[in-house]
Structure formats: structure tokens, C-alpha cells
């Protein structure tokens, strides 16, 4: 007589409170700034007084800036470009959080030679 094994799988159920995640809006004051100049990350559509964090992902380093959004849910964060590699796109990620709600969005800029 031939025997067969039957494998019964029971899924493990887990319950955790997921934070509500939403999209924000972001733009650059200048998407092609010259080296050694400033550009501003303009964030909107986040919660009133949300904690906003932006991170610029350069070729060899990351620069993080933080601010508190206005009562209208906007924030402007200034970046000094320094000698960033000309022509190398710099991604800027944005996260914002207030209570259990979070927002995220991203943009980029490409430095030009001085």
C-alpha cells in the first residue's frame, strides 16, 4: 500500500495598526541650479504643522533637512548646492508625519556647472 503525506498550511494572521499614508506635492524653485547656489524644495499638501523631512541623494552623500509645515500644510526647505556633480540628477525624497498619518513624495534637480 502506498502512503501519501498531506501537508496542511494554516496562515498566520497578524493584526497591526497601519498608519495612513498619503501623497504630498513637491517642486523645486530651480530644477537646474548652478553649482554654489541655492535651490528651495517646496512641499505642499501635507497636514497642518506636520514634521517634514527632505533628503537630497547626491552622488556620494545625502543631505537631510527638516522643518515644520505651516498651518496650510506647506514647507520650504533651502539647499545650498556647493560643488555637486554637474549633470548628475539629485533625487530629493520627502516624508512628512503628523500623528498616525504620513505623506511621501519626491522630485529631483540637476546641478549645472558654475
PDB file of N, CA and C in Angstrom:
ATOM      1  N   UNK A   1       0.838  -1.168   0.000  1.00  0.00           N
ATOM      2  CA  UNK A   1       0.000   0.000   0.000  1.00  0.00           C
ATOM      3  C   UNK A   1       0.888   1.237   0.000  1.00  0.00           C
ATOM      4  N   UNK A   2       0.508   2.192  -0.803  1.00  0.00           N
ATOM      5  CA  UNK A   2       1.271   3.427  -0.937  1.00  0.00           C
ATOM      6  C   UNK A   2       0.702   4.487   0.003  1.00  0.00           C
ATOM      7  N   UNK A   3       1.575   5.165   0.700  1.00  0.00           N
ATOM      8  CA  UNK A   3       1.122   6.204   1.629  1.00  0.00           C
ATOM      9  C   UNK A   3       1.442   7.577   1.069  1.00  0.00           C
ATOM     10  N   UNK A   4       0.562   8.510   1.295  1.00  0.00           N
ATOM     11  CA  UNK A   4       0.757   9.896   0.865  1.00  0.00           C
ATOM     12  C   UNK A   4       0.723  10.792   2.083  1.00  0.00           C
ATOM     13  N   UNK A   5       1.573  11.749   2.058  1.00  0.00           N
ATOM     14  CA  UNK A   5       1.565  12.739   3.134  1.00  0.00           C
ATOM     15  C   UNK A   5       0.759  13.940   2.669  1.00  0.00           C
ATOM     16  N   UNK A   6      -0.042  14.454   3.539  1.00  0.00           N
ATOM     17  CA  UNK A   6      -0.835  15.637   3.227  1.00  0.00           C
ATOM     18  C   UNK A   6      -0.323  16.774   4.100  1.00  0.00           C
ATOM     19  N   UNK A   7       0.078  17.832   3.445  1.00  0.00           N
ATOM     20  CA  UNK A   7       0.580  18.996   4.163  1.00  0.00           C
ATOM     21  C   UNK A   7      -0.530  20.029   4.235  1.00  0.00           C
ATOM     22  N   UNK A   8      -0.887  20.405   5.421  1.00  0.00           N
ATOM     23  CA  UNK A   8      -1.932  21.402   5.609  1.00  0.00           C
ATOM     24  C   UNK A   8      -1.276  22.664   6.136  1.00  0.00           C
ATOM     25  N   UNK A   9      -1.505  23.746   5.437  1.00  0.00           N
ATOM     26  CA  UNK A   9      -0.911  25.022   5.820  1.00  0.00           C
ATOM     27  C   UNK A   9      -1.964  25.910   6.456  1.00  0.00           C
ATOM     28  N   UNK A  10      -1.635  26.493   7.567  1.00  0.00           N
ATOM     29  CA  UNK A  10      -2.531  27.433   8.237  1.00  0.00           C
ATOM     30  C   UNK A  10      -1.877  28.807   8.220  1.00  0.00           C
ATOM     31  N   UNK A  11      -2.506  29.763   7.577  1.00  0.00           N
ATOM     32  CA  UNK A  11      -1.901  31.101   7.559  1.00  0.00           C
ATOM     33  C   UNK A  11      -1.882  31.714   8.952  1.00  0.00           C
ATOM     34  N   UNK A  12      -0.834  32.422   9.212  1.00  0.00           N
ATOM     35  CA  UNK A  12      -0.721  33.126  10.485  1.00  0.00           C
ATOM     36  C   UNK A  12      -1.306  34.515  10.285  1.00  0.00           C
ATOM     37  N   UNK A  13      -2.289  34.814  11.067  1.00  0.00           N
ATOM     38  CA  UNK A  13      -2.937  36.115  10.945  1.00  0.00           C
ATOM     39  C   UNK A  13      -2.297  37.089  11.915  1.00  0.00           C
ATOM     40  N   UNK A  14      -1.936  38.226  11.394  1.00  0.00           N
ATOM     41  CA  UNK A  14      -1.386  39.265  12.258  1.00  0.00           C
ATOM     42  C   UNK A  14      -2.194  40.532  12.050  1.00  0.00           C
ATOM     43  N   UNK A  15      -2.367  41.233  13.091  1.00  0.00           N
ATOM     44  CA  UNK A  15      -3.092  42.498  13.024  1.00  0.00           C
ATOM     45  C   UNK A  15      -2.191  43.581  13.584  1.00  0.00           C
ATOM     46  N   UNK A  16      -1.971  44.587  12.774  1.00  0.00           N
ATOM     47  CA  UNK A  16      -1.235  45.721  13.313  1.00  0.00           C
ATOM     48  C   UNK A  16      -1.853  46.989  12.764  1.00  0.00           C
ATOM     49  N   UNK A  17      -1.752  48.005  13.537  1.00  0.00           N
ATOM     50  CA  UNK A  17      -2.325  49.289  13.127  1.00  0.00           C
ATOM     51  C   UNK A  17      -1.417  49.918  12.083  1.00  0.00           C
ATOM     52  N   UNK A  18      -1.903  50.025  10.883  1.00  0.00           N
ATOM     53  CA  UNK A  18      -1.136  50.651   9.806  1.00  0.00           C
ATOM     54  C   UNK A  18      -1.391  52.155   9.828  1.00  0.00           C
ATOM     55  N   UNK A  19      -0.351  52.908   9.704  1.00  0.00           N
ATOM     56  CA  UNK A  19      -0.501  54.359   9.623  1.00  0.00           C
ATOM     57  C   UNK A  19      -1.035  54.710   8.239  1.00  0.00           C
ATOM     58  N   UNK A  20      -1.914  55.677   8.196  1.00  0.00           N
ATOM     59  CA  UNK A  20      -2.446  56.128   6.910  1.00  0.00           C
ATOM     60  C   UNK A  20      -1.325  56.819   6.144  1.00  0.00           C
ATOM     61  N   UNK A  21      -1.108  56.409   4.901  1.00  0.00           N
ATOM     62  CA  UNK A  21      -0.053  57.002   4.086  1.00  0.00           C
ATOM     63  C   UNK A  21      -0.670  57.709   2.891  1.00  0.00           C
ATOM     64  N   UNK A  22      -0.250  58.941   2.661  1.00  0.00           N
ATOM     65  CA  UNK A  22      -0.814  59.756   1.591  1.00  0.00           C
ATOM     66  C   UNK A  22       0.295  60.346   0.738  1.00  0.00           C
ATOM     67  N   UNK A  23      -0.099  60.871  -0.410  1.00  0.00           N
ATOM     68  CA  UNK A  23       0.863  61.550  -1.285  1.00  0.00           C
ATOM     69  C   UNK A  23       0.911  63.029  -0.951  1.00  0.00           C
ATOM     70  N   UNK A  24       2.091  63.601  -1.068  1.00  0.00           N
ATOM     71  CA  UNK A  24       2.223  65.042  -0.924  1.00  0.00           C
ATOM     72  C   UNK A  24       2.586  65.610  -2.291  1.00  0.00           C
ATOM     73  N   UNK A  25       2.799  66.892  -2.352  1.00  0.00           N
ATOM     74  CA  UNK A  25       3.204  67.543  -3.598  1.00  0.00           C
ATOM     75  C   UNK A  25       4.530  68.245  -3.328  1.00  0.00           C
ATOM     76  N   UNK A  26       5.453  68.157  -4.301  1.00  0.00           N
ATOM     77  CA  UNK A  26       6.755  68.796  -4.108  1.00  0.00           C
ATOM     78  C   UNK A  26       7.263  69.331  -5.436  1.00  0.00           C
ATOM     79  N   UNK A  27       7.958  70.457  -5.365  1.00  0.00           N
ATOM     80  CA  UNK A  27       8.594  71.029  -6.557  1.00  0.00           C
ATOM     81  C   UNK A  27       9.870  71.738  -6.125  1.00  0.00           C
ATOM     82  N   UNK A  28      10.707  72.058  -7.101  1.00  0.00           N
ATOM     83  CA  UNK A  28      11.949  72.780  -6.843  1.00  0.00           C
ATOM     84  C   UNK A  28      11.784  74.214  -7.329  1.00  0.00           C
ATOM     85  N   UNK A  29      12.343  75.172  -6.596  1.00  0.00           N
ATOM     86  CA  UNK A  29      12.304  76.561  -7.063  1.00  0.00           C
ATOM     87  C   UNK A  29      13.128  76.698  -8.337  1.00  0.00           C
ATOM     88  N   UNK A  30      14.187  75.884  -8.454  1.00  0.00           N
ATOM     89  CA  UNK A  30      15.034  75.857  -9.644  1.00  0.00           C
ATOM     90  C   UNK A  30      15.490  74.412  -9.829  1.00  0.00           C
ATOM     91  N   UNK A  31      15.023  73.755 -10.876  1.00  0.00           N
ATOM     92  CA  UNK A  31      15.364  72.345 -11.078  1.00  0.00           C
ATOM     93  C   UNK A  31      16.729  72.157 -11.742  1.00  0.00           C
ATOM     94  N   UNK A  32      17.369  73.277 -12.173  1.00  0.00           N
ATOM     95  CA  UNK A  32      18.713  73.205 -12.763  1.00  0.00           C
ATOM     96  C   UNK A  32      19.599  74.304 -12.173  1.00  0.00           C
ATOM     97  N   UNK A  33      19.831  74.223 -10.858  1.00  0.00           N
ATOM     98  CA  UNK A  33      20.636  75.269 -10.211  1.00  0.00           C
ATOM     99  C   UNK A  33      22.118  75.144 -10.559  1.00  0.00           C
ATOM    100  N   UNK A  34      22.799  76.267 -10.562  1.00  0.00           N
ATOM    101  CA  UNK A  34      24.247  76.259 -10.791  1.00  0.00           C
ATOM    102  C   UNK A  34      24.941  75.794  -9.508  1.00  0.00           C
ATOM    103  N   UNK A  35      26.141  75.234  -9.667  1.00  0.00           N
ATOM    104  CA  UNK A  35      26.943  74.876  -8.501  1.00  0.00           C
ATOM    105  C   UNK A  35      27.126  76.128  -7.640  1.00  0.00           C
ATOM    106  N   UNK A  36      27.260  75.932  -6.350  1.00  0.00           N
ATOM    107  CA  UNK A  36      27.483  77.016  -5.376  1.00  0.00           C
ATOM    108  C   UNK A  36      26.339  78.027  -5.366  1.00  0.00           C
ATOM    109  N   UNK A  37      25.120  77.540  -5.571  1.00  0.00           N
ATOM    110  CA  UNK A  37      23.940  78.397  -5.473  1.00  0.00           C
ATOM    111  C   UNK A  37      22.907  77.685  -4.599  1.00  0.00           C
ATOM    112  N   UNK A  38      21.771  78.322  -4.417  1.00  0.00           N
ATOM    113  CA  UNK A  38      20.706  77.760  -3.592  1.00  0.00           C
ATOM    114  C   UNK A  38      19.514  77.356  -4.444  1.00  0.00           C
ATOM    115  N   UNK A  39      18.803  76.349  -3.976  1.00  0.00           N
ATOM    116  CA  UNK A  39      17.515  75.982  -4.557  1.00  0.00           C
ATOM    117  C   UNK A  39      16.610  75.583  -3.399  1.00  0.00           C
ATOM    118  N   UNK A  40      15.331  75.767  -3.566  1.00  0.00           N
ATOM    119  CA  UNK A  40      14.385  75.507  -2.490  1.00  0.00           C
ATOM    120  C   UNK A  40      13.460  74.354  -2.850  1.00  0.00           C
ATOM    121  N   UNK A  41      13.309  73.428  -1.905  1.00  0.00           N
ATOM    122  CA  UNK A  41      12.344  72.339  -2.047  1.00  0.00           C
ATOM    123  C   UNK A  41      11.026  72.873  -1.490  1.00  0.00           C
ATOM    124  N   UNK A  42       9.994  72.924  -2.346  1.00  0.00           N
ATOM    125  CA  UNK A  42       8.691  73.466  -1.952  1.00  0.00           C
ATOM    126  C   UNK A  42       7.706  72.317  -1.765  1.00  0.00           C
ATOM    127  N   UNK A  43       7.318  72.076  -0.520  1.00  0.00           N
ATOM    128  CA  UNK A  43       6.437  70.958  -0.173  1.00  0.00           C
ATOM    129  C   UNK A  43       5.043  71.495   0.143  1.00  0.00           C
ATOM    130  N   UNK A  44       4.019  70.798  -0.348  1.00  0.00           N
ATOM    131  CA  UNK A  44       2.640  71.169  -0.020  1.00  0.00           C
ATOM    132  C   UNK A  44       1.777  69.914   0.078  1.00  0.00           C
ATOM    133  N   UNK A  45       0.546  70.123   0.470  1.00  0.00           N
ATOM    134  CA  UNK A  45      -0.440  69.044   0.631  1.00  0.00           C
ATOM    135  C   UNK A  45      -0.046  68.031   1.705  1.00  0.00           C
ATOM    136  N   UNK A  46       0.536  68.555   2.796  1.00  0.00           N
ATOM    137  CA  UNK A  46       0.765  67.741   3.991  1.00  0.00           C
ATOM    138  C   UNK A  46      -0.099  68.345   5.098  1.00  0.00           C
ATOM    139  N   UNK A  47      -0.186  67.684   6.223  1.00  0.00           N
ATOM    140  CA  UNK A  47      -1.021  68.164   7.312  1.00  0.00           C
ATOM    141  C   UNK A  47      -0.491  69.429   7.964  1.00  0.00           C
ATOM    142  N   UNK A  48      -1.412  70.182   8.529  1.00  0.00           N
ATOM    143  CA  UNK A  48      -1.059  71.383   9.268  1.00  0.00           C
ATOM    144  C   UNK A  48      -0.069  71.031  10.376  1.00  0.00           C
ATOM    145  N   UNK A  49       1.052  71.720  10.396  1.00  0.00           N
ATOM    146  CA  UNK A  49       2.093  71.541  11.421  1.00  0.00           C
ATOM    147  C   UNK A  49       2.755  70.156  11.392  1.00  0.00           C
ATOM    148  N   UNK A  50       2.675  69.459  10.257  1.00  0.00           N
ATOM    149  CA  UNK A  50       3.341  68.154  10.131  1.00  0.00           C
ATOM    150  C   UNK A  50       4.855  68.339  10.154  1.00  0.00           C
ATOM    151  N   UNK A  51       5.566  67.341  10.642  1.00  0.00           N
ATOM    152  CA  UNK A  51       7.037  67.340  10.645  1.00  0.00           C
ATOM    153  C   UNK A  51       7.485  66.868   9.263  1.00  0.00           C
ATOM    154  N   UNK A  52       8.191  67.743   8.529  1.00  0.00           N
ATOM    155  CA  UNK A  52       8.613  67.463   7.154  1.00  0.00           C
ATOM    156  C   UNK A  52      10.119  67.205   7.125  1.00  0.00           C
ATOM    157  N   UNK A  53      10.520  66.135   6.450  1.00  0.00           N
ATOM    158  CA  UNK A  53      11.941  65.822   6.279  1.00  0.00           C
ATOM    159  C   UNK A  53      12.222  65.605   4.801  1.00  0.00           C
ATOM    160  N   UNK A  54      13.239  66.285   4.296  1.00  0.00           N
ATOM    161  CA  UNK A  54      13.658  66.094   2.908  1.00  0.00           C
ATOM    162  C   UNK A  54      15.080  65.545   2.919  1.00  0.00           C
ATOM    163  N   UNK A  55      15.369  64.686   1.947  1.00  0.00           N
ATOM    164  CA  UNK A  55      16.715  64.135   1.812  1.00  0.00           C
ATOM    165  C   UNK A  55      17.150  64.254   0.367  1.00  0.00           C
ATOM    166  N   UNK A  56      18.259  64.953   0.137  1.00  0.00           N
ATOM    167  CA  UNK A  56      18.837  65.070  -1.204  1.00  0.00           C
ATOM    168  C   UNK A  56      19.884  63.972  -1.346  1.00  0.00           C
ATOM    169  N   UNK A  57      19.712  63.120  -2.347  1.00  0.00           N
ATOM    170  CA  UNK A  57      20.597  61.977  -2.575  1.00  0.00           C
ATOM    171  C   UNK A  57      21.621  62.341  -3.652  1.00  0.00           C
ATOM    172  N   UNK A  58      22.757  62.900  -3.216  1.00  0.00           N
ATOM    173  CA  UNK A  58      23.829  63.275  -4.137  1.00  0.00           C
ATOM    174  C   UNK A  58      24.618  62.034  -4.550  1.00  0.00           C
ATOM    175  N   UNK A  59      25.556  62.204  -5.461  1.00  0.00           N
ATOM    176  CA  UNK A  59      26.358  61.090  -5.977  1.00  0.00           C
ATOM    177  C   UNK A  59      27.067  60.323  -4.859  1.00  0.00           C
ATOM    178  N   UNK A  60      27.656  61.040  -3.908  1.00  0.00           N
ATOM    179  CA  UNK A  60      28.447  60.368  -2.871  1.00  0.00           C
ATOM    180  C   UNK A  60      27.967  60.614  -1.446  1.00  0.00           C
ATOM    181  N   UNK A  61      26.902  61.382  -1.270  1.00  0.00           N
ATOM    182  CA  UNK A  61      26.441  61.694   0.082  1.00  0.00           C
ATOM    183  C   UNK A  61      24.945  62.000   0.078  1.00  0.00           C
ATOM    184  N   UNK A  62      24.387  62.120   1.264  1.00  0.00           N
ATOM    185  CA  UNK A  62      22.981  62.510   1.421  1.00  0.00           C
ATOM    186  C   UNK A  62      22.935  63.714   2.348  1.00  0.00           C
ATOM    187  N   UNK A  63      22.047  64.645   2.045  1.00  0.00           N
ATOM    188  CA  UNK A  63      21.853  65.804   2.914  1.00  0.00           C
ATOM    189  C   UNK A  63      20.396  65.846   3.327  1.00  0.00           C
ATOM    190  N   UNK A  64      20.173  65.902   4.651  1.00  0.00           N
ATOM    191  CA  UNK A  64      18.818  65.880   5.189  1.00  0.00           C
ATOM    192  C   UNK A  64      18.482  67.233   5.800  1.00  0.00           C
ATOM    193  N   UNK A  65      17.256  67.693   5.560  1.00  0.00           N
ATOM    194  CA  UNK A  65      16.761  68.937   6.156  1.00  0.00           C
ATOM    195  C   UNK A  65      15.382  68.662   6.745  1.00  0.00           C
ATOM    196  N   UNK A  66      15.049  69.357   7.823  1.00  0.00           N
ATOM    197  CA  UNK A  66      13.745  69.187   8.464  1.00  0.00           C
ATOM    198  C   UNK A  66      13.105  70.533   8.739  1.00  0.00           C
ATOM    199  N   UNK A  67      11.779  70.529   8.754  1.00  0.00           N
ATOM    200  CA  UNK A  67      11.014  71.738   9.059  1.00  0.00           C
ATOM    201  C   UNK A  67       9.631  71.318   9.536  1.00  0.00           C
ATOM    202  N   UNK A  68       8.916  72.254  10.095  1.00  0.00           N
ATOM    203  CA  UNK A  68       7.524  72.032  10.462  1.00  0.00           C
ATOM    204  C   UNK A  68       6.656  72.757   9.449  1.00  0.00           C
ATOM    205  N   UNK A  69       5.665  72.043   8.910  1.00  0.00           N
ATOM    206  CA  UNK A  69       4.774  72.642   7.914  1.00  0.00           C
ATOM    207  C   UNK A  69       3.962  73.773   8.542  1.00  0.00           C
ATOM    208  N   UNK A  70       3.538  74.686   7.705  1.00  0.00           N
ATOM    209  CA  UNK A  70       2.684  75.785   8.151  1.00  0.00           C
ATOM    210  C   UNK A  70       1.289  75.247   8.476  1.00  0.00           C
ATOM    211  N   UNK A  71       0.430  76.105   8.968  1.00  0.00           N
ATOM    212  CA  UNK A  71      -0.949  75.695   9.235  1.00  0.00           C
ATOM    213  C   UNK A  71      -1.679  75.342   7.940  1.00  0.00           C
ATOM    214  N   UNK A  72      -1.153  75.796   6.801  1.00  0.00           N
ATOM    215  CA  UNK A  72      -1.745  75.469   5.497  1.00  0.00           C
ATOM    216  C   UNK A  72      -1.145  74.192   4.904  1.00  0.00           C
ATOM    217  N   UNK A  73      -0.212  73.559   5.620  1.00  0.00           N
ATOM    218  CA  UNK A  73       0.374  72.305   5.148  1.00  0.00           C
ATOM    219  C   UNK A  73       1.447  72.481   4.089  1.00  0.00           C
ATOM    220  N   UNK A  74       2.223  73.571   4.197  1.00  0.00           N
ATOM    221  CA  UNK A  74       3.311  73.810   3.247  1.00  0.00           C
ATOM    222  C   UNK A  74       4.622  74.020   4.003  1.00  0.00           C
ATOM    223  N   UNK A  75       5.724  73.745   3.313  1.00  0.00           N
ATOM    224  CA  UNK A  75       7.050  73.986   3.897  1.00  0.00           C
ATOM    225  C   UNK A  75       8.039  74.226   2.770  1.00  0.00           C
ATOM    226  N   UNK A  76       8.978  75.128   2.993  1.00  0.00           N
ATOM    227  CA  UNK A  76      10.058  75.411   2.045  1.00  0.00           C
ATOM    228  C   UNK A  76      11.384  75.125   2.735  1.00  0.00           C
ATOM    229  N   UNK A  77      12.203  74.276   2.107  1.00  0.00           N
ATOM    230  CA  UNK A  77      13.495  73.912   2.685  1.00  0.00           C
ATOM    231  C   UNK A  77      14.590  74.266   1.691  1.00  0.00           C
ATOM    232  N   UNK A  78      15.534  75.079   2.142  1.00  0.00           N
ATOM    233  CA  UNK A  78      16.584  75.598   1.271  1.00  0.00           C
ATOM    234  C   UNK A  78      17.796  74.664   1.237  1.00  0.00           C
ATOM    235  N   UNK A  79      18.311  74.417   0.043  1.00  0.00           N
ATOM    236  CA  UNK A  79      19.529  73.616  -0.134  1.00  0.00           C
ATOM    237  C   UNK A  79      20.591  74.449  -0.836  1.00  0.00           C
ATOM    238  N   UNK A  80      21.799  74.448  -0.269  1.00  0.00           N
ATOM    239  CA  UNK A  80      22.954  75.060  -0.914  1.00  0.00           C
ATOM    240  C   UNK A  80      23.614  73.960  -1.732  1.00  0.00           C
ATOM    241  N   UNK A  81      23.798  74.181  -3.017  1.00  0.00           N
ATOM    242  CA  UNK A  81      24.247  73.133  -3.930  1.00  0.00           C
ATOM    243  C   UNK A  81      25.744  72.840  -3.823  1.00  0.00           C
ATOM    244  N   UNK A  82      26.557  73.776  -3.439  1.00  0.00           N
ATOM    245  CA  UNK A  82      28.004  73.581  -3.332  1.00  0.00           C
ATOM    246  C   UNK A  82      28.566  73.054  -4.645  1.00  0.00           C
ATOM    247  N   UNK A  83      29.515  72.133  -4.592  1.00  0.00           N
ATOM    248  CA  UNK A  83      30.160  71.626  -5.810  1.00  0.00           C
ATOM    249  C   UNK A  83      29.559  70.330  -6.315  1.00  0.00           C
ATOM    250  N   UNK A  84      28.250  70.166  -6.191  1.00  0.00           N
ATOM    251  CA  UNK A  84      27.587  68.938  -6.651  1.00  0.00           C
ATOM    252  C   UNK A  84      27.940  68.657  -8.107  1.00  0.00           C
ATOM    253  N   UNK A  85      28.052  67.383  -8.447  1.00  0.00           N
ATOM    254  CA  UNK A  85      28.456  66.967  -9.795  1.00  0.00           C
ATOM    255  C   UNK A  85      27.511  67.513 -10.860  1.00  0.00           C
ATOM    256  N   UNK A  86      28.023  68.349 -11.776  1.00  0.00           N
ATOM    257  CA  UNK A  86      27.170  68.895 -12.838  1.00  0.00           C
ATOM    258  C   UNK A  86      26.609  67.777 -13.720  1.00  0.00           C
ATOM    259  N   UNK A  87      25.335  67.894 -14.062  1.00  0.00           N
ATOM    260  CA  UNK A  87      24.691  66.922 -14.937  1.00  0.00           C
ATOM    261  C   UNK A  87      24.226  65.653 -14.251  1.00  0.00           C
ATOM    262  N   UNK A  88      24.570  65.458 -12.977  1.00  0.00           N
ATOM    263  CA  UNK A  88      24.170  64.260 -12.231  1.00  0.00           C
ATOM    264  C   UNK A  88      22.894  64.568 -11.454  1.00  0.00           C
ATOM    265  N   UNK A  89      21.783  63.926 -11.852  1.00  0.00           N
ATOM    266  CA  UNK A  89      20.484  64.176 -11.218  1.00  0.00           C
ATOM    267  C   UNK A  89      20.540  63.841  -9.732  1.00  0.00           C
ATOM    268  N   UNK A  90      19.996  64.737  -8.918  1.00  0.00           N
ATOM    269  CA  UNK A  90      19.934  64.554  -7.470  1.00  0.00           C
ATOM    270  C   UNK A  90      18.478  64.312  -7.099  1.00  0.00           C
ATOM    271  N   UNK A  91      18.172  63.123  -6.603  1.00  0.00           N
ATOM    272  CA  UNK A  91      16.805  62.815  -6.182  1.00  0.00           C
ATOM    273  C   UNK A  91      16.575  63.408  -4.801  1.00  0.00           C
ATOM    274  N   UNK A  92      15.400  63.998  -4.608  1.00  0.00           N
ATOM    275  CA  UNK A  92      15.027  64.551  -3.314  1.00  0.00           C
ATOM    276  C   UNK A  92      13.774  63.816  -2.844  1.00  0.00           C
ATOM    277  N   UNK A  93      13.894  63.086  -1.736  1.00  0.00           N
ATOM    278  CA  UNK A  93      12.739  62.388  -1.180  1.00  0.00           C
ATOM    279  C   UNK A  93      12.162  63.213  -0.034  1.00  0.00           C
ATOM    280  N   UNK A  94      10.846  63.166   0.085  1.00  0.00           N
ATOM    281  CA  UNK A  94      10.146  63.943   1.106  1.00  0.00           C
ATOM    282  C   UNK A  94       9.268  63.009   1.924  1.00  0.00           C
ATOM    283  N   UNK A  95       9.355  63.134   3.234  1.00  0.00           N
ATOM    284  CA  UNK A  95       8.416  62.449   4.114  1.00  0.00           C
ATOM    285  C   UNK A  95       7.879  63.480   5.096  1.00  0.00           C
ATOM    286  N   UNK A  96       6.629  63.316   5.463  1.00  0.00           N
ATOM    287  CA  UNK A  96       6.022  64.193   6.459  1.00  0.00           C
ATOM    288  C   UNK A  96       5.185  63.316   7.373  1.00  0.00           C
ATOM    289  N   UNK A  97       5.079  63.716   8.627  1.00  0.00           N
ATOM    290  CA  UNK A  97       4.329  62.909   9.580  1.00  0.00           C
ATOM    291  C   UNK A  97       3.629  63.801  10.585  1.00  0.00           C
ATOM    292  N   UNK A  98       2.383  63.427  10.866  1.00  0.00           N
ATOM    293  CA  UNK A  98       1.630  64.079  11.936  1.00  0.00           C
ATOM    294  C   UNK A  98       0.709  63.025  12.522  1.00  0.00           C
ATOM    295  N   UNK A  99       0.932  62.711  13.778  1.00  0.00           N
ATOM    296  CA  UNK A  99       0.140  61.652  14.409  1.00  0.00           C
ATOM    297  C   UNK A  99       0.373  60.335  13.690  1.00  0.00           C
ATOM    298  N   UNK A 100      -0.715  59.664  13.315  1.00  0.00           N
ATOM    299  CA  UNK A 100      -0.600  58.378  12.620  1.00  0.00           C
ATOM    300  C   UNK A 100      -0.620  58.531  11.105  1.00  0.00           C
ATOM    301  N   UNK A 101      -0.673  59.752  10.628  1.00  0.00           N
ATOM    302  CA  UNK A 101      -0.721  59.988   9.183  1.00  0.00           C
ATOM    303  C   UNK A 101       0.657  60.378   8.668  1.00  0.00           C
ATOM    304  N   UNK A 102       1.024  59.806   7.524  1.00  0.00           N
ATOM    305  CA  UNK A 102       2.291  60.174   6.902  1.00  0.00           C
ATOM    306  C   UNK A 102       2.067  60.480   5.429  1.00  0.00           C
ATOM    307  N   UNK A 103       2.954  61.285   4.878  1.00  0.00           N
ATOM    308  CA  UNK A 103       2.905  61.683   3.471  1.00  0.00           C
ATOM    309  C   UNK A 103       4.275  61.409   2.880  1.00  0.00           C
ATOM    310  N   UNK A 104       4.309  61.113   1.583  1.00  0.00           N
ATOM    311  CA  UNK A 104       5.599  60.972   0.911  1.00  0.00           C
ATOM    312  C   UNK A 104       5.476  61.378  -0.547  1.00  0.00           C
ATOM    313  N   UNK A 105       6.571  61.912  -1.070  1.00  0.00           N
ATOM    314  CA  UNK A 105       6.653  62.308  -2.473  1.00  0.00           C
ATOM    315  C   UNK A 105       8.125  62.543  -2.790  1.00  0.00           C
ATOM    316  N   UNK A 106       8.439  62.761  -4.052  1.00  0.00           N
ATOM    317  CA  UNK A 106       9.832  63.015  -4.421  1.00  0.00           C
ATOM    318  C   UNK A 106       9.909  63.877  -5.668  1.00  0.00           C
ATOM    319  N   UNK A 107      11.069  64.460  -5.857  1.00  0.00           N
ATOM    320  CA  UNK A 107      11.358  65.289  -7.023  1.00  0.00           C
ATOM    321  C   UNK A 107      12.857  65.171  -7.279  1.00  0.00           C
ATOM    322  N   UNK A 108      13.381  65.978  -8.151  1.00  0.00           N
ATOM    323  CA  UNK A 108      14.825  65.958  -8.391  1.00  0.00           C
ATOM    324  C   UNK A 108      15.278  67.297  -8.947  1.00  0.00           C
ATOM    325  N   UNK A 109      16.585  67.492  -8.910  1.00  0.00           N
ATOM    326  CA  UNK A 109      17.195  68.641  -9.581  1.00  0.00           C
ATOM    327  C   UNK A 109      18.516  68.176 -10.174  1.00  0.00           C
ATOM    328  N   UNK A 110      18.986  68.898 -11.175  1.00  0.00           N
ATOM    329  CA  UNK A 110      20.239  68.553 -11.841  1.00  0.00           C
ATOM    330  C   UNK A 110      21.161  69.765 -11.818  1.00  0.00           C
ATOM    331  N   UNK A 111      22.234  69.715 -11.031  1.00  0.00           N
ATOM    332  CA  UNK A 111      23.155  70.855 -10.951  1.00  0.00           C
ATOM    333  C   UNK A 111      23.820  71.155 -12.303  1.00  0.00           C
ATOM    334  N   UNK A 112      24.047  72.449 -12.546  1.00  0.00           N
ATOM    335  CA  UNK A 112      24.776  72.904 -13.740  1.00  0.00           C
ATOM    336  C   UNK A 112      26.130  73.440 -13.297  1.00  0.00           C
ATOM    337  N   UNK A 113      27.088  73.424 -14.219  1.00  0.00           N
ATOM    338  CA  UNK A 113      28.407  73.971 -13.928  1.00  0.00           C
ATOM    339  C   UNK A 113      28.287  75.454 -13.583  1.00  0.00           C
ATOM    340  N   UNK A 114      29.128  75.909 -12.653  1.00  0.00           N
ATOM    341  CA  UNK A 114      29.091  77.297 -12.173  1.00  0.00           C
ATOM    342  C   UNK A 114      29.236  78.304 -13.285  1.00  0.00           C
TER     343      UNK A 114
END
